[in-house]
């Protein structure tokens, strides 16, 4: 209805025979344009609100720092509070300038719309006909002017999608004096019989949408900083490690600082400790002569290929492996003591730069676990997978590695023939039936032996033709794929000691020929 009419006059004559209507029908494009402008208007003020919150939060933090209200533990380099306050003041001035520019831009845009006849109409409690099916809630009037509660955007199907400003998204719903929520008030207003069912009037009486007032920023809270950031990743989260490592108690022995630790040249370890690679990362001394290592084994590892090794001496870690060789004590048990083995109290040397550092003695106190597909995909770097693909397809790989590849990707056929020539309840006398069963068993055994010969020939040929991409594809394959997927294994390494006498012995031996091991 026309708000300029003072009284209802049903008998008034029409002028010039022209029928009156409530308002000129608006085009969908014009309405969509208005809604888009409102959305941009709301987005600008959301940005202003966020900037103001950041500014007030920074100012409050600086104020607390000046008064000593926020406990901060400063290291060797002290924080300049005056400089921090000066930076905060400059930031405040920049934010005020930015706020003024944005406000002027919004006001000038609103004036331009008004001059072009595209002013935003005064918000009423009515729902336009083209929006009634989209379940849009209309906010109640306040002081004769509706305050926008949510910003809307027009989608491709003509409906309006509501969005909530970031500073209100995690707020609790406020309840009015009559125990009604704002959403309930909006629903009741939109469904009220007093609302107008006509179209929105876009005439000259429209009033531009008021600029929302920025909310008062909440008080900042004193956040406790972590006591140590040694185990934090770049994004502030705790560095991921295999679960079993998180259950191990920290090593409590005495370890010298890293600055005072002497490193060892790779040639020195080869010449002094000797040994040959037994399994990935593990070396075994096979000679019959005396050995300074009790169990004749030691780890020589590179963190570039094993990203979950201990980060420092005395810490726990884990190494990755694709296959397992038999234990050295099973082959050279006569060279090892009765109470020694290859997986307990083993010295570990980790490559740092181009030299090795003694990290301590380590034991595998838990048998290995196989990684699943998710861990392989998310926790094992691609560079590590490529390293293993190159190792497993190398022309100089160990014979036992080739055998493990063959058994994994091309399993040996199983015997499915008869196991016994006769049943247990048969008599000791051979009958014609027993002779037939015996012949059948012998035939099944000969057939299986022939299938093994064919398998051996084909498997050897296929294993020799394995390429790097084949291994990489197997890392990403499903557990039910054919040929089978390939997964790495964890070898958990728990620090059980740091032998000072062993370390000092190596330092002394290296000093005797220091010139050869300088680089």
Protein backbone atom coordinates (compact mmCIF):
# COMPACT_ATOMS: atom_id res chain seq x y z
CA UNK A 1 0.00 0.00 0.00
CA UNK A 2 1.03 3.61 -0.56
CA UNK A 3 2.33 4.98 2.77
CA UNK A 4 1.71 8.58 1.59
CA UNK A 5 -2.10 8.07 1.63
CA UNK A 6 -3.64 9.35 4.89
CA UNK A 7 -6.99 7.60 4.62
CA UNK A 8 -8.62 4.79 2.72
CA UNK A 9 -11.02 6.13 0.04
CA UNK A 10 -12.65 3.35 -1.95
CA UNK A 11 -14.93 5.72 -3.90
CA UNK A 12 -12.21 7.96 -5.27
CA UNK A 13 -12.36 8.33 -9.02
CA UNK A 14 -9.51 7.28 -11.20
CA UNK A 15 -7.73 10.00 -13.13
CA UNK A 16 -7.54 9.60 -16.89
CA UNK A 17 -8.87 6.10 -16.51
CA UNK A 18 -5.44 4.82 -15.47
CA UNK A 19 -5.49 1.94 -13.01
CA UNK A 20 -3.33 2.39 -9.94
CA UNK A 21 -1.02 -0.28 -8.67
CA UNK A 22 1.02 -0.68 -5.52
CA UNK A 23 4.40 -0.43 -7.23
CA UNK A 24 6.05 -0.80 -10.57
CA UNK A 25 7.02 -4.41 -11.15
CA UNK A 26 10.72 -4.78 -10.68
CA UNK A 27 12.88 -6.78 -12.99
CA UNK A 28 14.67 -9.90 -11.65
CA UNK A 29 17.98 -8.47 -12.83
CA UNK A 30 17.50 -5.29 -10.80
CA UNK A 31 16.59 -7.25 -7.69
CA UNK A 32 19.57 -9.56 -8.11
CA UNK A 33 21.83 -6.53 -8.62
CA UNK A 34 20.53 -4.95 -5.40
CA UNK A 35 21.08 -8.15 -3.45
CA UNK A 36 24.60 -8.49 -4.82
CA UNK A 37 25.37 -4.92 -3.78
CA UNK A 38 24.04 -5.66 -0.31
CA UNK A 39 26.22 -8.73 -0.13
CA UNK A 40 29.30 -6.73 -1.13
CA UNK A 41 28.35 -4.09 1.40
CA UNK A 42 28.13 -6.67 4.18
CA UNK A 43 31.41 -8.30 3.13
CA UNK A 44 33.24 -4.97 3.33
CA UNK A 45 31.99 -4.41 6.85
CA UNK A 46 32.90 -7.93 7.83
CA UNK A 47 36.47 -7.17 6.77
CA UNK A 48 36.40 -3.96 8.79
CA UNK A 49 35.12 -5.83 11.83
CA UNK A 50 37.84 -8.45 11.55
CA UNK A 51 40.53 -5.79 11.19
CA UNK A 52 39.19 -3.96 14.23
CA UNK A 53 39.18 -7.17 16.25
CA UNK A 54 42.78 -7.83 15.29
CA UNK A 55 43.74 -4.28 16.19
CA UNK A 56 42.03 -4.34 19.59
CA UNK A 57 43.48 -7.77 20.34
CA UNK A 58 47.00 -6.56 19.50
CA UNK A 59 46.54 -3.37 21.51
CA UNK A 60 45.30 -5.34 24.50
CA UNK A 61 48.26 -7.73 24.26
CA UNK A 62 50.72 -4.83 24.13
CA UNK A 63 48.96 -3.23 27.10
CA UNK A 64 49.24 -6.45 29.09
CA UNK A 65 52.90 -6.80 28.16
CA UNK A 66 53.66 -3.29 29.41
CA UNK A 67 51.95 -4.03 32.73
CA UNK A 68 53.48 -7.48 33.06
CA UNK A 69 50.06 -9.17 32.91
CA UNK A 70 51.08 -11.78 30.33
CA UNK A 71 53.86 -14.14 31.46
CA UNK A 72 56.46 -14.32 28.71
CA UNK A 73 59.75 -16.17 29.05
CA UNK A 74 62.28 -14.37 26.92
CA UNK A 75 65.51 -16.02 25.81
CA UNK A 76 68.92 -14.43 25.38
CA UNK A 77 67.56 -11.67 23.09
CA UNK A 78 65.18 -9.40 25.07
CA UNK A 79 62.01 -7.98 23.52
CA UNK A 80 61.95 -4.20 23.01
CA UNK A 81 58.59 -3.18 24.51
CA UNK A 82 58.88 0.41 23.27
CA UNK A 83 59.47 -0.77 19.73
CA UNK A 84 56.52 -3.19 20.00
CA UNK A 85 54.27 -0.36 21.26
CA UNK A 86 55.47 1.90 18.43
CA UNK A 87 54.71 -0.81 15.88
CA UNK A 88 51.26 -1.31 17.39
CA UNK A 89 50.58 2.44 17.17
CA UNK A 90 51.61 2.49 13.51
CA UNK A 91 49.37 -0.50 12.85
CA UNK A 92 46.48 1.30 14.55
CA UNK A 93 46.94 4.34 12.32
CA UNK A 94 47.03 2.15 9.21
CA UNK A 95 43.86 0.35 10.29
CA UNK A 96 42.06 3.65 10.94
CA UNK A 97 43.13 4.89 7.51
CA UNK A 98 41.93 1.68 5.89
CA UNK A 99 38.62 1.91 7.74
CA UNK A 100 38.12 5.49 6.53
CA UNK A 101 38.87 4.54 2.92
CA UNK A 102 36.47 1.59 3.00
CA UNK A 103 33.73 3.69 4.62
CA UNK A 104 34.13 6.44 2.01
CA UNK A 105 34.03 3.85 -0.75
CA UNK A 106 30.82 2.35 0.60
CA UNK A 107 29.16 5.75 1.04
CA UNK A 108 30.14 6.89 -2.45
CA UNK A 109 28.80 3.64 -3.88
CA UNK A 110 25.51 4.18 -2.08
CA UNK A 111 25.27 7.77 -3.42
CA UNK A 112 25.91 6.54 -6.94
CA UNK A 113 23.18 3.96 -6.61
CA UNK A 114 20.73 6.59 -5.38
CA UNK A 115 21.58 8.89 -8.27
CA UNK A 116 21.02 6.09 -10.77
CA UNK A 117 17.67 5.13 -9.26
CA UNK A 118 19.06 1.89 -7.83
CA UNK A 119 18.94 2.72 -4.15
CA UNK A 120 18.44 -0.13 -1.77
CA UNK A 121 14.82 -0.12 -0.58
CA UNK A 122 13.85 0.22 3.05
CA UNK A 123 13.68 -3.23 4.55
CA UNK A 124 10.20 -4.20 5.67
CA UNK A 125 8.66 -7.26 7.20
CA UNK A 126 7.29 -8.40 3.84
CA UNK A 127 8.68 -11.23 1.79
CA UNK A 128 8.86 -10.51 -1.96
CA UNK A 129 6.89 -13.01 -4.06
CA UNK A 130 9.96 -14.24 -5.97
CA UNK A 131 11.64 -15.15 -2.65
CA UNK A 132 8.73 -16.75 -0.77
CA UNK A 133 9.66 -20.26 -1.85
CA UNK A 134 13.26 -19.93 -0.69
CA UNK A 135 12.42 -19.87 3.05
CA UNK A 136 14.12 -16.52 3.60
CA UNK A 137 13.59 -15.16 7.11
CA UNK A 138 13.07 -11.39 7.48
CA UNK A 139 14.41 -9.61 10.54
CA UNK A 140 12.02 -7.48 12.67
CA UNK A 141 12.08 -3.70 12.58
CA UNK A 142 14.17 -1.80 15.06
CA UNK A 143 13.67 1.97 15.46
CA UNK A 144 11.79 2.02 12.16
CA UNK A 145 14.71 0.54 10.27
CA UNK A 146 15.57 -3.15 9.90
CA UNK A 147 19.11 -4.12 10.93
CA UNK A 148 20.49 -6.76 8.61
CA UNK A 149 21.18 -9.98 10.51
CA UNK A 150 22.63 -12.01 7.68
CA UNK A 151 23.98 -11.30 4.26
CA UNK A 152 22.36 -13.01 1.30
CA UNK A 153 23.57 -13.98 -2.13
CA UNK A 154 21.52 -14.96 -5.15
CA UNK A 155 22.26 -18.43 -6.53
CA UNK A 156 21.73 -19.69 -10.04
CA UNK A 157 18.24 -21.02 -9.29
CA UNK A 158 16.98 -17.70 -7.90
CA UNK A 159 17.14 -18.63 -4.22
CA UNK A 160 18.97 -16.67 -1.58
CA UNK A 161 21.76 -18.28 0.41
CA UNK A 162 22.33 -16.92 3.91
CA UNK A 163 25.76 -16.38 5.42
CA UNK A 164 26.71 -15.38 8.93
CA UNK A 165 29.55 -12.92 9.65
CA UNK A 166 32.69 -14.62 11.03
CA UNK A 167 32.54 -12.76 14.35
CA UNK A 168 29.03 -14.17 15.02
CA UNK A 169 29.43 -17.74 13.83
CA UNK A 170 30.53 -19.22 17.15
CA UNK A 171 28.29 -17.09 19.37
CA UNK A 172 25.62 -18.65 21.54
CA UNK A 173 22.01 -17.91 20.62
CA UNK A 174 20.65 -15.14 22.81
CA UNK A 175 17.22 -15.63 24.36
CA UNK A 176 14.84 -12.72 24.78
CA UNK A 177 12.77 -11.79 27.82
CA UNK A 178 9.89 -13.90 26.50
CA UNK A 179 12.19 -16.96 26.08
CA UNK A 180 12.10 -16.53 22.31
CA UNK A 181 15.17 -16.69 20.12
CA UNK A 182 15.88 -14.26 17.27
CA UNK A 183 15.22 -17.08 14.82
CA UNK A 184 11.76 -17.62 16.33
CA UNK A 185 11.03 -13.89 16.13
CA UNK A 186 12.05 -13.87 12.49
CA UNK A 187 9.84 -16.86 11.72
CA UNK A 188 6.82 -15.35 13.46
CA UNK A 189 7.29 -12.00 11.73
CA UNK A 190 7.62 -13.51 8.29
CA UNK A 191 4.48 -15.60 8.82
CA UNK A 192 2.46 -12.76 10.34
CA UNK A 193 -0.84 -11.82 8.66
CA UNK A 194 0.15 -8.13 8.84
CA UNK A 195 2.95 -8.50 6.32
CA UNK A 196 2.37 -7.22 2.82
CA UNK A 197 2.13 -9.79 0.06
CA UNK A 198 2.82 -7.26 -2.66
CA UNK A 199 6.09 -6.57 -4.40
CA UNK A 200 8.78 -4.43 -2.83
CA UNK A 201 8.45 -0.79 -3.80
CA UNK A 202 11.62 0.45 -5.51
CA UNK A 203 10.42 4.06 -5.74
CA UNK A 204 12.06 7.25 -4.62
CA UNK A 205 11.05 6.71 -0.96
CA UNK A 206 13.63 3.92 -0.59
CA UNK A 207 16.34 4.38 2.02
CA UNK A 208 19.82 2.92 1.57
CA UNK A 209 20.87 0.14 3.90
CA UNK A 210 22.53 1.55 7.03
CA UNK A 211 26.15 0.76 7.74
CA UNK A 212 26.35 -1.87 10.53
CA UNK A 213 28.09 -0.77 13.69
CA UNK A 214 31.24 -2.75 14.40
CA UNK A 215 30.80 -5.04 17.43
CA UNK A 216 32.86 -4.42 20.52
CA UNK A 217 35.82 -6.82 20.51
CA UNK A 218 35.87 -9.38 23.26
CA UNK A 219 38.55 -9.28 25.90
CA UNK A 220 41.71 -11.17 25.06
CA UNK A 221 42.61 -14.12 27.25
CA UNK A 222 46.04 -15.01 28.51
CA UNK A 223 47.09 -18.01 26.46
CA UNK A 224 49.73 -20.34 27.83
CA UNK A 225 52.57 -21.00 25.44
CA UNK A 226 54.04 -24.52 25.24
CA UNK A 227 57.02 -25.00 27.50
CA UNK A 228 59.05 -26.64 24.75
CA UNK A 229 58.83 -26.37 20.99
CA UNK A 230 61.47 -28.98 20.24
CA UNK A 231 58.93 -31.57 19.13
CA UNK A 232 56.68 -29.17 17.23
CA UNK A 233 56.37 -29.14 13.47
CA UNK A 234 56.32 -25.98 11.34
CA UNK A 235 52.56 -25.62 11.74
CA UNK A 236 52.75 -25.72 15.55
CA UNK A 237 51.44 -29.26 15.85
CA UNK A 238 53.21 -32.07 17.65
CA UNK A 239 55.49 -33.86 15.19
CA UNK A 240 53.95 -37.16 14.15
CA UNK A 241 55.69 -40.38 15.10
CA UNK A 242 54.67 -44.07 15.22
CA UNK A 243 52.35 -44.73 18.13
CA UNK A 244 54.63 -47.21 19.87
CA UNK A 245 57.31 -44.54 20.28
CA UNK A 246 54.88 -42.39 22.25
CA UNK A 247 54.49 -45.17 24.83
CA UNK A 248 58.21 -45.45 25.62
CA UNK A 249 59.71 -43.73 28.64
CA UNK A 250 62.45 -41.20 27.91
CA UNK A 251 66.07 -42.22 28.36
CA UNK A 252 67.42 -40.77 31.61
CA UNK A 253 71.16 -41.40 31.18
CA UNK A 254 73.87 -38.77 30.90
CA UNK A 255 74.64 -37.63 27.34
CA UNK A 256 77.12 -34.85 26.45
CA UNK A 257 75.81 -31.84 24.58
CA UNK A 258 75.83 -31.91 20.80
CA UNK A 259 78.39 -29.07 20.70
CA UNK A 260 80.90 -31.18 22.64
CA UNK A 261 80.28 -34.39 20.69
CA UNK A 262 82.97 -35.64 18.31
CA UNK A 263 81.74 -36.89 14.94
CA UNK A 264 83.24 -39.79 13.01
CA UNK A 265 84.30 -40.04 9.39
CA UNK A 266 82.57 -42.80 7.35
CA UNK A 267 85.96 -44.27 6.39
CA UNK A 268 86.98 -44.41 10.04
CA UNK A 269 83.94 -46.52 10.94
CA UNK A 270 84.59 -48.83 7.99
CA UNK A 271 88.26 -49.25 8.89
CA UNK A 272 87.78 -49.54 12.65
CA UNK A 273 84.50 -51.38 13.11
CA UNK A 274 84.43 -53.03 9.69
CA UNK A 275 81.58 -55.35 8.85
CA UNK A 276 79.33 -55.66 5.83
CA UNK A 277 75.66 -54.78 5.24
CA UNK A 278 73.48 -57.53 6.65
CA UNK A 279 70.08 -55.87 6.31
CA UNK A 280 69.07 -52.27 5.50
CA UNK A 281 70.94 -50.03 7.96
CA UNK A 282 72.47 -52.93 9.94
CA UNK A 283 76.10 -54.04 9.56
CA UNK A 284 77.57 -57.30 10.86
CA UNK A 285 81.23 -58.17 11.46
CA UNK A 286 81.76 -61.68 10.11
CA UNK A 287 85.50 -62.03 10.70
CA UNK A 288 86.75 -64.60 13.19
CA UNK A 289 89.18 -62.18 14.82
CA UNK A 290 88.48 -60.08 17.94
CA UNK A 291 85.87 -57.34 17.68
CA UNK A 292 85.30 -54.34 19.93
CA UNK A 293 81.55 -54.84 19.48
CA UNK A 294 80.00 -57.36 21.83
CA UNK A 295 77.32 -58.57 19.41
CA UNK A 296 79.33 -57.76 16.24
CA UNK A 297 76.52 -55.54 14.91
CA UNK A 298 75.92 -51.79 14.65
CA UNK A 299 73.50 -49.42 12.91
CA UNK A 300 74.73 -46.99 10.24
CA UNK A 301 71.71 -44.91 9.19
CA UNK A 302 70.85 -41.91 7.02
CA UNK A 303 67.88 -39.75 8.17
CA UNK A 304 67.26 -38.66 4.58
CA UNK A 305 66.01 -42.17 3.83
CA UNK A 306 64.63 -42.83 7.32
CA UNK A 307 62.69 -39.71 8.40
CA UNK A 308 61.58 -41.19 11.74
CA UNK A 309 64.99 -41.89 13.20
CA UNK A 310 65.85 -40.31 16.58
CA UNK A 311 66.23 -36.55 16.23
CA UNK A 312 69.07 -36.45 18.78
CA UNK A 313 71.22 -38.77 20.83
CA UNK A 314 69.26 -40.62 23.50
CA UNK A 315 65.87 -40.23 21.81
CA UNK A 316 63.76 -43.07 20.48
CA UNK A 317 62.98 -43.60 16.81
CA UNK A 318 62.02 -46.05 14.10
CA UNK A 319 63.51 -47.13 10.80
CA UNK A 320 61.76 -48.41 7.70
CA UNK A 321 62.47 -51.63 5.86
CA UNK A 322 60.86 -53.55 3.02
CA UNK A 323 62.04 -57.10 3.81
CA UNK A 324 63.86 -58.93 6.60
CA UNK A 325 66.98 -61.02 6.29
CA UNK A 326 67.54 -63.96 8.62
CA UNK A 327 69.18 -63.13 11.96
CA UNK A 328 73.01 -63.11 12.03
CA UNK A 329 73.03 -65.36 15.09
CA UNK A 330 71.21 -68.04 13.10
CA UNK A 331 74.13 -68.18 10.66
CA UNK A 332 77.12 -67.03 12.74
CA UNK A 333 76.00 -68.04 16.19
CA UNK A 334 79.43 -69.50 16.90
CA UNK A 335 80.98 -66.01 16.60
CA UNK A 336 78.60 -64.40 19.08
CA UNK A 337 78.34 -64.85 22.80
CA UNK A 338 75.69 -67.00 24.37
CA UNK A 339 73.81 -64.01 25.80
CA UNK A 340 74.15 -61.65 22.80
CA UNK A 341 72.00 -61.12 19.72
CA UNK A 342 71.65 -58.70 16.83
CA UNK A 343 68.63 -56.72 18.08
CA UNK A 344 69.55 -55.72 21.66
CA UNK A 345 72.06 -53.13 22.88
CA UNK A 346 73.30 -52.28 19.37
CA UNK A 347 75.35 -49.09 18.81
CA UNK A 348 73.78 -46.59 16.41
CA UNK A 349 75.56 -44.06 14.20
CA UNK A 350 73.42 -41.49 12.37
CA UNK A 351 74.65 -39.42 9.45
CA UNK A 352 74.69 -35.67 10.20
CA UNK A 353 76.07 -33.69 7.29
CA UNK A 354 78.83 -35.89 5.90
CA UNK A 355 79.93 -37.47 9.22
CA UNK A 356 78.37 -39.89 11.68
CA UNK A 357 77.28 -39.16 15.25
CA UNK A 358 77.08 -41.79 17.97
CA UNK A 359 73.49 -41.68 19.26
CA UNK A 360 73.75 -44.45 21.85
CA UNK A 361 72.90 -48.14 22.06
CA UNK A 362 69.45 -49.24 20.89
CA UNK A 363 67.23 -52.29 21.26
CA UNK A 364 64.19 -53.51 19.34
CA UNK A 365 61.85 -54.13 22.27
CA UNK A 366 58.83 -54.74 20.03
CA UNK A 367 58.52 -56.84 16.91
CA UNK A 368 57.98 -54.97 13.67
CA UNK A 369 54.59 -53.69 12.49
CA UNK A 370 53.56 -53.36 8.85
CA UNK A 371 52.37 -49.96 7.63
CA UNK A 372 48.87 -49.74 6.19
CA UNK A 373 47.90 -47.92 2.99
CA UNK A 374 46.91 -44.69 4.78
CA UNK A 375 50.24 -44.45 6.61
CA UNK A 376 52.15 -45.23 3.43
CA UNK A 377 50.27 -42.51 1.57
CA UNK A 378 50.33 -39.77 4.23
CA UNK A 379 53.41 -40.40 6.42
CA UNK A 380 56.04 -41.81 4.07
CA UNK A 381 57.57 -39.12 1.80
CA UNK A 382 57.71 -39.79 -1.90
CA UNK A 383 61.50 -39.45 -1.81
CA UNK A 384 61.68 -42.40 0.61
CA UNK A 385 59.49 -44.51 -1.67
CA UNK A 386 61.75 -43.69 -4.61
CA UNK A 387 64.79 -44.65 -2.53
CA UNK A 388 63.32 -48.06 -1.79
CA UNK A 389 62.27 -48.51 -5.42
CA UNK A 390 65.88 -47.92 -6.47
CA UNK A 391 67.27 -50.23 -3.77
CA UNK A 392 64.92 -53.10 -4.58
CA UNK A 393 65.56 -52.89 -8.33
CA UNK A 394 69.31 -52.32 -8.13
CA UNK A 395 71.48 -54.69 -10.13
CA UNK A 396 73.76 -55.05 -7.08
CA UNK A 397 71.03 -56.01 -4.62
CA UNK A 398 71.69 -58.88 -2.25
CA UNK A 399 70.59 -62.36 -3.22
CA UNK A 400 68.27 -62.62 -0.22
CA UNK A 401 66.48 -59.44 -1.39
CA UNK A 402 65.84 -61.02 -4.78
CA UNK A 403 64.42 -64.12 -3.10
CA UNK A 404 62.13 -62.01 -0.91
CA UNK A 405 60.88 -60.07 -3.94
CA UNK A 406 60.15 -63.31 -5.76
CA UNK A 407 58.28 -64.84 -2.83
CA UNK A 408 56.26 -61.66 -2.26
CA UNK A 409 55.14 -60.78 -5.78
CA UNK A 410 55.07 -64.29 -7.27
CA UNK A 411 54.10 -66.69 -4.45
CA UNK A 412 55.05 -70.33 -4.71
CA UNK A 413 52.14 -72.61 -5.73
CA UNK A 414 50.65 -74.64 -2.90
CA UNK A 415 50.35 -78.41 -2.92
CA UNK A 416 46.71 -79.43 -3.24
CA UNK A 417 47.11 -83.16 -3.84
CA UNK A 418 46.64 -86.15 -1.56
CA UNK A 419 48.83 -86.28 1.56
CA UNK A 420 48.35 -89.89 2.64
CA UNK A 421 48.07 -93.09 0.65
CA UNK A 422 45.52 -94.63 2.97
CA UNK A 423 43.28 -93.65 5.86
CA UNK A 424 44.23 -94.26 9.51
CA UNK A 425 41.63 -96.98 10.08
CA UNK A 426 42.80 -99.13 7.16
CA UNK A 427 44.38 -102.52 7.77
CA UNK A 428 48.08 -103.18 7.40
CA UNK A 429 47.47 -105.26 4.34
CA UNK A 430 47.64 -103.51 1.00
CA UNK A 431 44.43 -103.82 -0.89
CA UNK A 432 43.67 -102.90 -4.44
CA UNK A 433 42.06 -99.68 -3.19
CA UNK A 434 45.20 -98.79 -1.22
CA UNK A 435 47.37 -99.29 -4.25
CA UNK A 436 45.15 -96.92 -6.24
CA UNK A 437 45.40 -94.26 -3.50
CA UNK A 438 49.17 -94.62 -3.39
CA UNK A 439 49.42 -94.18 -7.13
CA UNK A 440 47.22 -91.07 -6.90
CA UNK A 441 49.42 -89.55 -4.17
CA UNK A 442 52.59 -90.18 -6.17
CA UNK A 443 50.97 -88.64 -9.22
CA UNK A 444 49.94 -85.53 -7.25
CA UNK A 445 53.45 -85.14 -5.84
CA UNK A 446 55.06 -85.44 -9.28
CA UNK A 447 52.58 -82.92 -10.68
CA UNK A 448 53.35 -80.44 -7.88
CA UNK A 449 57.10 -80.86 -8.36
CA UNK A 450 56.67 -80.06 -12.04
CA UNK A 451 54.62 -76.95 -11.20
CA UNK A 452 57.41 -75.82 -8.83
CA UNK A 453 59.99 -76.11 -11.60
CA UNK A 454 57.81 -74.02 -13.91
CA UNK A 455 57.19 -71.47 -11.14
CA UNK A 456 60.90 -71.19 -10.35
CA UNK A 457 61.75 -70.46 -13.98
CA UNK A 458 58.94 -67.96 -14.52
CA UNK A 459 59.35 -66.22 -11.14
CA UNK A 460 63.09 -65.73 -11.65
CA UNK A 461 62.46 -64.16 -15.05
CA UNK A 462 59.68 -61.90 -13.77
CA UNK A 463 61.71 -60.82 -10.73
CA UNK A 464 64.66 -59.89 -12.92
CA UNK A 465 62.36 -57.66 -14.99
CA UNK A 466 60.99 -55.66 -12.03
CA UNK A 467 61.42 -51.91 -12.58
CA UNK A 468 61.21 -48.88 -10.29
CA UNK A 469 57.72 -47.94 -11.42
CA UNK A 470 56.53 -51.44 -10.62
CA UNK A 471 57.65 -50.97 -6.99
CA UNK A 472 56.10 -47.48 -6.77
CA UNK A 473 52.81 -48.81 -8.10
CA UNK A 474 52.94 -51.63 -5.55
CA UNK A 475 53.34 -49.07 -2.74
CA UNK A 476 50.07 -47.46 -3.80
CA UNK A 477 48.19 -50.65 -4.70
CA UNK A 478 45.25 -52.04 -2.75
CA UNK A 479 45.79 -54.84 -0.27
CA UNK A 480 43.62 -57.09 -2.45
CA UNK A 481 45.34 -56.26 -5.75
CA UNK A 482 47.14 -58.75 -7.96
CA UNK A 483 50.12 -58.72 -8.00
CA UNK A 484 50.16 -58.02 -4.25
CA UNK A 485 50.73 -54.56 -2.82
CA UNK A 486 54.02 -53.78 -1.10
CA UNK A 487 54.12 -52.19 2.35
CA UNK A 488 57.09 -51.10 4.44
CA UNK A 489 57.68 -52.20 8.03
CA UNK A 490 58.52 -50.30 11.21
CA UNK A 491 61.62 -51.34 13.15
CA UNK A 492 61.26 -49.65 16.54
CA UNK A 493 64.52 -48.44 18.10
CA UNK A 494 64.52 -47.73 21.84
CA UNK A 495 67.57 -46.08 23.39
CA UNK A 496 68.81 -48.25 26.27
CA UNK A 497 72.21 -46.69 26.95
CA UNK A 498 74.96 -44.30 25.96
CA UNK A 499 78.36 -45.99 26.45
CA UNK A 500 80.87 -43.35 27.41
CA UNK A 501 83.84 -45.74 27.38
CA UNK A 502 82.94 -46.98 23.88
CA UNK A 503 82.56 -43.41 22.61
CA UNK A 504 85.89 -42.28 24.13
CA UNK A 505 87.63 -45.31 22.62
CA UNK A 506 86.44 -44.35 19.15
CA UNK A 507 87.49 -40.73 19.70
CA UNK A 508 90.98 -41.85 20.74
CA UNK A 509 91.37 -44.18 17.77
CA UNK A 510 90.30 -41.46 15.33
CA UNK A 511 92.76 -38.94 16.83
CA UNK A 512 95.67 -41.27 16.09
CA UNK A 513 95.18 -40.66 12.39
CA UNK A 514 93.30 -37.37 12.53
CA UNK A 515 94.68 -36.04 9.23
CA UNK A 516 93.02 -38.86 7.29
CA UNK A 517 89.60 -38.15 8.79
CA UNK A 518 89.40 -34.35 8.75
CA UNK A 519 86.89 -34.10 5.90
